[in-house]
Amino acid sequence: MVGSVAGDAGPLAGPAVIVVSGVSGSGKSTVGALLASRLGWDFLDADDLHPPANIAKMASGMPLTDADRGPWLDAVGRAASAPGRAGVVVACSALRVVHRDRLRERVPDLVVVQLTAHPDLIGDRLSTRVDHFMPPTLLASQFAALEPLSAAEAGLVLDVGATPEALVARILVLLADG
C-alpha cells in the first residue's frame, strides 16, 4: 500500500509529533531522521530510551512483551511531548494498536507513518546491519506482532521499496494533502 492514508482522525497537515513505525530494519531511524531534517523538527530515536533490561532481553534473542514495552513507551511519550518543541519525529516500532494508543495517552494528536515491506526484504537488511542489539532472529516475532493502522488512527502506510529520500518526499506530499 504505497502512500495509503489511514484513519478518520482529521487532517494530517501540521502535526506536532510524527511517529515513524515498523518492524526492526524497516528504516524507521533513517526515514525519521531525514523527515525531521526536512521539517526542521527534532528527531528522537526511541531505541535510545529502552532500559538496559529490554536491550539485554532482545540482544539475547528474546522478544519483548507488552509488559516490557509499557514503561519504555511511557518514556517515549514523555520525551515526544516535552515542552518547548515545535515538532518532533520519533522512530519507534509501535507495532500494535495498543502501543500506539499508549503513546497517544501523552501525545493525543500524533500521526503515524507505518513503514511496511515483505519479510524477505527486511531480513536481507537485517543480515547486513551491524552494531544493533536487535538480532535478525527476532524478525518473525516482530511481524507476528505488527498490526496495521486501525481506521481510527491518523496516519500513512508506505512500502519501503523506495529510497529514504523518495519516502520522505512522499510523506511530505501526503501530509500536505492531509
C-alpha atoms as a PDB file:
ATOM      1  CA  MET A   1       0.000   0.000   0.000  1.00  0.00           C
ATOM      2  CA  VAL A   2       2.312   2.718  -1.180  1.00  0.00           C
ATOM      3  CA  GLY A   3       1.101   6.039   0.080  1.00  0.00           C
ATOM      4  CA  SER A   4      -2.204   4.944   1.519  1.00  0.00           C
ATOM      5  CA  VAL A   5      -3.768   7.170   4.128  1.00  0.00           C
ATOM      6  CA  ALA A   6      -5.464   5.588   7.119  1.00  0.00           C
ATOM      7  CA  GLY A   7      -7.848   6.946   9.667  1.00  0.00           C
ATOM      8  CA  ASP A   8     -10.634   9.405  10.154  1.00  0.00           C
ATOM      9  CA  ALA A   9      -8.878  11.328  12.902  1.00  0.00           C
ATOM     10  CA  GLY A  10      -8.715  14.571  10.935  1.00  0.00           C
ATOM     11  CA  PRO A  11      -6.295  16.269   8.576  1.00  0.00           C
ATOM     12  CA  LEU A  12      -2.663  15.219   8.556  1.00  0.00           C
ATOM     13  CA  ALA A  13      -1.147  18.608   7.797  1.00  0.00           C
ATOM     14  CA  GLY A  14       0.885  20.138  10.582  1.00  0.00           C
ATOM     15  CA  PRO A  15       1.059  17.519  13.334  1.00  0.00           C
ATOM     16  CA  ALA A  16       3.400  18.296  16.206  1.00  0.00           C
ATOM     17  CA  VAL A  17       4.501  14.651  16.544  1.00  0.00           C
ATOM     18  CA  ILE A  18       5.035  12.110  13.798  1.00  0.00           C
ATOM     19  CA  VAL A  19       5.877   8.539  14.788  1.00  0.00           C
ATOM     20  CA  VAL A  20       7.672   6.544  12.100  1.00  0.00           C
ATOM     21  CA  SER A  21       6.803   2.959  12.994  1.00  0.00           C
ATOM     22  CA  GLY A  22       7.546  -0.512  11.688  1.00  0.00           C
ATOM     23  CA  VAL A  23       9.497  -3.658  12.355  1.00  0.00           C
ATOM     24  CA  SER A  24      13.208  -3.651  13.027  1.00  0.00           C
ATOM     25  CA  GLY A  25      15.095  -2.933   9.816  1.00  0.00           C
ATOM     26  CA  SER A  26      12.212  -1.141   8.080  1.00  0.00           C
ATOM     27  CA  GLY A  27      14.124   2.149   8.019  1.00  0.00           C
ATOM     28  CA  LYS A  28      12.427   3.983  10.877  1.00  0.00           C
ATOM     29  CA  SER A  29      15.566   5.771  12.053  1.00  0.00           C
ATOM     30  CA  THR A  30      16.831   6.640   8.587  1.00  0.00           C
ATOM     31  CA  VAL A  31      13.476   7.886   7.296  1.00  0.00           C
ATOM     32  CA  GLY A  32      12.624   9.555  10.608  1.00  0.00           C
ATOM     33  CA  ALA A  33      15.894  11.499  10.835  1.00  0.00           C
ATOM     34  CA  LEU A  34      15.603  12.622   7.214  1.00  0.00           C
ATOM     35  CA  LEU A  35      11.961  13.643   7.684  1.00  0.00           C
ATOM     36  CA  ALA A  36      12.828  15.611  10.826  1.00  0.00           C
ATOM     37  CA  SER A  37      15.629  17.367   8.974  1.00  0.00           C
ATOM     38  CA  ARG A  38      13.335  18.299   6.077  1.00  0.00           C
ATOM     39  CA  LEU A  39      10.693  19.631   8.501  1.00  0.00           C
ATOM     40  CA  GLY A  40      13.216  21.438  10.702  1.00  0.00           C
ATOM     41  CA  TRP A  41      11.973  19.406  13.672  1.00  0.00           C
ATOM     42  CA  ASP A  42      13.700  17.464  16.426  1.00  0.00           C
ATOM     43  CA  PHE A  43      14.395  13.766  15.911  1.00  0.00           C
ATOM     44  CA  LEU A  44      14.038  11.158  18.644  1.00  0.00           C
ATOM     45  CA  ASP A  45      15.086   7.526  18.260  1.00  0.00           C
ATOM     46  CA  ALA A  46      13.001   5.508  20.721  1.00  0.00           C
ATOM     47  CA  ASP A  47      15.688   2.799  20.778  1.00  0.00           C
ATOM     48  CA  ASP A  48      17.774   5.245  22.825  1.00  0.00           C
ATOM     49  CA  LEU A  49      15.128   5.141  25.563  1.00  0.00           C
ATOM     50  CA  HIS A  50      14.993   1.377  26.059  1.00  0.00           C
ATOM     51  CA  PRO A  51      16.011   0.404  29.586  1.00  0.00           C
ATOM     52  CA  PRO A  52      19.079  -1.849  29.799  1.00  0.00           C
ATOM     53  CA  ALA A  53      16.903  -4.856  30.690  1.00  0.00           C
ATOM     54  CA  ASN A  54      14.959  -4.532  27.403  1.00  0.00           C
ATOM     55  CA  ILE A  55      18.146  -4.250  25.373  1.00  0.00           C
ATOM     56  CA  ALA A  56      19.667  -7.268  27.113  1.00  0.00           C
ATOM     57  CA  LYS A  57      16.498  -9.282  26.557  1.00  0.00           C
ATOM     58  CA  MET A  58      16.374  -8.515  22.837  1.00  0.00           C
ATOM     59  CA  ALA A  59      20.130  -8.989  22.403  1.00  0.00           C
ATOM     60  CA  SER A  60      19.736 -12.473  23.893  1.00  0.00           C
ATOM     61  CA  GLY A  61      17.108 -13.321  21.273  1.00  0.00           C
ATOM     62  CA  MET A  62      14.018 -12.918  23.464  1.00  0.00           C
ATOM     63  CA  PRO A  63      11.157 -10.784  22.130  1.00  0.00           C
ATOM     64  CA  LEU A  64       9.752  -8.086  24.373  1.00  0.00           C
ATOM     65  CA  THR A  65       6.317  -8.499  25.917  1.00  0.00           C
ATOM     66  CA  ASP A  66       3.805  -5.700  26.247  1.00  0.00           C
ATOM     67  CA  ALA A  67       4.752  -5.558  29.938  1.00  0.00           C
ATOM     68  CA  ASP A  68       8.366  -4.901  28.876  1.00  0.00           C
ATOM     69  CA  ARG A  69       7.287  -2.276  26.377  1.00  0.00           C
ATOM     70  CA  GLY A  70       4.932  -0.336  28.675  1.00  0.00           C
ATOM     71  CA  PRO A  71       7.472   1.696  30.666  1.00  0.00           C
ATOM     72  CA  TRP A  72       9.541   2.237  27.508  1.00  0.00           C
ATOM     73  CA  LEU A  73       6.508   3.556  25.593  1.00  0.00           C
ATOM     74  CA  ASP A  74       5.729   5.853  28.531  1.00  0.00           C
ATOM     75  CA  ALA A  75       9.289   7.220  28.348  1.00  0.00           C
ATOM     76  CA  VAL A  76       8.942   7.728  24.593  1.00  0.00           C
ATOM     77  CA  GLY A  77       5.644   9.561  25.096  1.00  0.00           C
ATOM     78  CA  ARG A  78       7.175  11.806  27.763  1.00  0.00           C
ATOM     79  CA  ALA A  79      10.162  12.626  25.551  1.00  0.00           C
ATOM     80  CA  ALA A  80       7.989  13.281  22.488  1.00  0.00           C
ATOM     81  CA  SER A  81       5.706  15.626  24.404  1.00  0.00           C
ATOM     82  CA  ALA A  82       8.461  17.577  26.158  1.00  0.00           C
ATOM     83  CA  PRO A  83       7.673  21.298  26.374  1.00  0.00           C
ATOM     84  CA  GLY A  84       9.372  23.697  24.006  1.00  0.00           C
ATOM     85  CA  ARG A  85       9.364  21.553  20.872  1.00  0.00           C
ATOM     86  CA  ALA A  86       7.858  22.952  17.693  1.00  0.00           C
ATOM     87  CA  GLY A  87       7.670  19.425  16.350  1.00  0.00           C
ATOM     88  CA  VAL A  88       9.321  16.044  16.699  1.00  0.00           C
ATOM     89  CA  VAL A  89       9.681  12.966  14.547  1.00  0.00           C
ATOM     90  CA  VAL A  90      10.014   9.770  16.584  1.00  0.00           C
ATOM     91  CA  ALA A  91      11.382   6.490  15.249  1.00  0.00           C
ATOM     92  CA  CYS A  92       9.525   3.879  17.306  1.00  0.00           C
ATOM     93  CA  SER A  93       8.423   0.355  16.436  1.00  0.00           C
ATOM     94  CA  ALA A  94       4.897   0.931  17.842  1.00  0.00           C
ATOM     95  CA  LEU A  95       3.891  -2.370  16.270  1.00  0.00           C
ATOM     96  CA  ARG A  96       0.473  -2.823  17.829  1.00  0.00           C
ATOM     97  CA  VAL A  97      -2.549  -0.554  18.160  1.00  0.00           C
ATOM     98  CA  VAL A  98      -2.218  -0.732  21.965  1.00  0.00           C
ATOM     99  CA  HIS A  99       1.379   0.529  21.675  1.00  0.00           C
ATOM    100  CA  ARG A 100       0.290   3.489  19.567  1.00  0.00           C
ATOM    101  CA  ASP A 101      -2.644   4.127  21.910  1.00  0.00           C
ATOM    102  CA  ARG A 102      -0.229   4.187  24.838  1.00  0.00           C
ATOM    103  CA  LEU A 103       1.813   6.859  23.037  1.00  0.00           C
ATOM    104  CA  ARG A 104      -1.407   8.809  22.404  1.00  0.00           C
ATOM    105  CA  GLU A 105      -2.019   8.979  26.154  1.00  0.00           C
ATOM    106  CA  ARG A 106       0.793  11.588  26.164  1.00  0.00           C
ATOM    107  CA  VAL A 107       0.506  12.773  22.555  1.00  0.00           C
ATOM    108  CA  PRO A 108      -3.172  12.627  21.527  1.00  0.00           C
ATOM    109  CA  ASP A 109      -2.696  14.113  18.058  1.00  0.00           C
ATOM    110  CA  LEU A 110       0.284  12.100  16.886  1.00  0.00           C
ATOM    111  CA  VAL A 111       0.373  10.905  13.306  1.00  0.00           C
ATOM    112  CA  VAL A 112       1.848   7.511  12.482  1.00  0.00           C
ATOM    113  CA  VAL A 113       3.859   6.760   9.358  1.00  0.00           C
ATOM    114  CA  GLN A 114       3.947   2.968   9.243  1.00  0.00           C
ATOM    115  CA  LEU A 115       6.738   1.532   7.100  1.00  0.00           C
ATOM    116  CA  THR A 116       5.990  -1.866   5.594  1.00  0.00           C
ATOM    117  CA  ALA A 117       7.816  -4.362   3.410  1.00  0.00           C
ATOM    118  CA  HIS A 118       7.954  -8.036   2.602  1.00  0.00           C
ATOM    119  CA  PRO A 119       9.734 -10.011   5.358  1.00  0.00           C
ATOM    120  CA  ASP A 120      12.413 -11.146   2.888  1.00  0.00           C
ATOM    121  CA  LEU A 121      13.442  -7.547   2.164  1.00  0.00           C
ATOM    122  CA  ILE A 122      13.640  -6.718   5.863  1.00  0.00           C
ATOM    123  CA  GLY A 123      15.538  -9.953   6.548  1.00  0.00           C
ATOM    124  CA  ASP A 124      18.093  -9.004   3.899  1.00  0.00           C
ATOM    125  CA  ARG A 125      18.513  -5.595   5.512  1.00  0.00           C
ATOM    126  CA  LEU A 126      18.959  -7.066   8.977  1.00  0.00           C
ATOM    127  CA  SER A 127      21.533  -9.566   7.767  1.00  0.00           C
ATOM    128  CA  THR A 128      23.854  -6.711   6.793  1.00  0.00           C
ATOM    129  CA  ARG A 129      23.240  -4.472   9.808  1.00  0.00           C
ATOM    130  CA  VAL A 130      25.994  -4.286  12.401  1.00  0.00           C
ATOM    131  CA  ASP A 131      26.200  -2.936  15.927  1.00  0.00           C
ATOM    132  CA  HIS A 132      22.494  -3.149  16.767  1.00  0.00           C
ATOM    133  CA  PHE A 133      21.043  -5.002  19.753  1.00  0.00           C
ATOM    134  CA  MET A 134      18.099  -6.410  17.782  1.00  0.00           C
ATOM    135  CA  PRO A 135      19.105  -9.749  16.219  1.00  0.00           C
ATOM    136  CA  PRO A 136      17.587 -10.897  12.908  1.00  0.00           C
ATOM    137  CA  THR A 137      16.192 -13.948  14.731  1.00  0.00           C
ATOM    138  CA  LEU A 138      13.513 -11.721  16.286  1.00  0.00           C
ATOM    139  CA  LEU A 139      12.145 -10.529  12.951  1.00  0.00           C
ATOM    140  CA  ALA A 140       9.423 -13.196  12.812  1.00  0.00           C
ATOM    141  CA  SER A 141       8.154 -12.143  16.254  1.00  0.00           C
ATOM    142  CA  GLN A 142       8.019  -8.522  15.094  1.00  0.00           C
ATOM    143  CA  PHE A 143       5.973  -9.395  12.010  1.00  0.00           C
ATOM    144  CA  ALA A 144       3.695 -11.553  14.181  1.00  0.00           C
ATOM    145  CA  ALA A 145       3.051  -8.574  16.467  1.00  0.00           C
ATOM    146  CA  LEU A 146       2.663  -5.999  13.676  1.00  0.00           C
ATOM    147  CA  GLU A 147      -0.853  -4.612  13.368  1.00  0.00           C
ATOM    148  CA  PRO A 148      -1.881  -2.322  10.530  1.00  0.00           C
ATOM    149  CA  LEU A 149      -3.142   1.124  11.366  1.00  0.00           C
ATOM    150  CA  SER A 150      -6.734   0.991  12.553  1.00  0.00           C
ATOM    151  CA  ALA A 151      -9.483   3.043  10.931  1.00  0.00           C
ATOM    152  CA  ALA A 152      -9.395   5.407  13.919  1.00  0.00           C
ATOM    153  CA  GLU A 153      -5.686   6.174  13.597  1.00  0.00           C
ATOM    154  CA  ALA A 154      -4.405   9.174  11.668  1.00  0.00           C
ATOM    155  CA  GLY A 155      -1.534   8.030   9.566  1.00  0.00           C
ATOM    156  CA  LEU A 156       0.147   6.829   6.427  1.00  0.00           C
ATOM    157  CA  VAL A 157       1.251   3.383   5.313  1.00  0.00           C
ATOM    158  CA  LEU A 158       4.251   3.271   2.981  1.00  0.00           C
ATOM    159  CA  ASP A 159       6.137   0.395   1.417  1.00  0.00           C
ATOM    160  CA  VAL A 160       9.883   0.824   1.966  1.00  0.00           C
ATOM    161  CA  GLY A 161      10.904  -0.312  -1.501  1.00  0.00           C
ATOM    162  CA  ALA A 162      11.766   3.284  -2.428  1.00  0.00           C
ATOM    163  CA  THR A 163      14.824   5.206  -1.271  1.00  0.00           C
ATOM    164  CA  PRO A 164      14.594   7.064   2.052  1.00  0.00           C
ATOM    165  CA  GLU A 165      14.641  10.361   0.130  1.00  0.00           C
ATOM    166  CA  ALA A 166      11.723   9.259  -2.046  1.00  0.00           C
ATOM    167  CA  LEU A 167       9.796   8.034   1.009  1.00  0.00           C
ATOM    168  CA  VAL A 168      10.268  11.354   2.796  1.00  0.00           C
ATOM    169  CA  ALA A 169       9.199  13.287  -0.294  1.00  0.00           C
ATOM    170  CA  ARG A 170       6.058  11.113  -0.466  1.00  0.00           C
ATOM    171  CA  ILE A 171       5.359  11.592   3.246  1.00  0.00           C
ATOM    172  CA  LEU A 172       5.624  15.363   2.892  1.00  0.00           C
ATOM    173  CA  VAL A 173       3.216  15.375  -0.066  1.00  0.00           C
ATOM    174  CA  LEU A 174       0.713  13.159   1.719  1.00  0.00           C
ATOM    175  CA  LEU A 175       0.884  15.220   4.908  1.00  0.00           C
ATOM    176  CA  ALA A 176       0.383  18.431   2.947  1.00  0.00           C
ATOM    177  CA  ASP A 177      -2.599  16.916   1.129  1.00  0.00           C
ATOM    178  CA  GLY A 178      -3.988  15.739   4.502  1.00  0.00           C
END
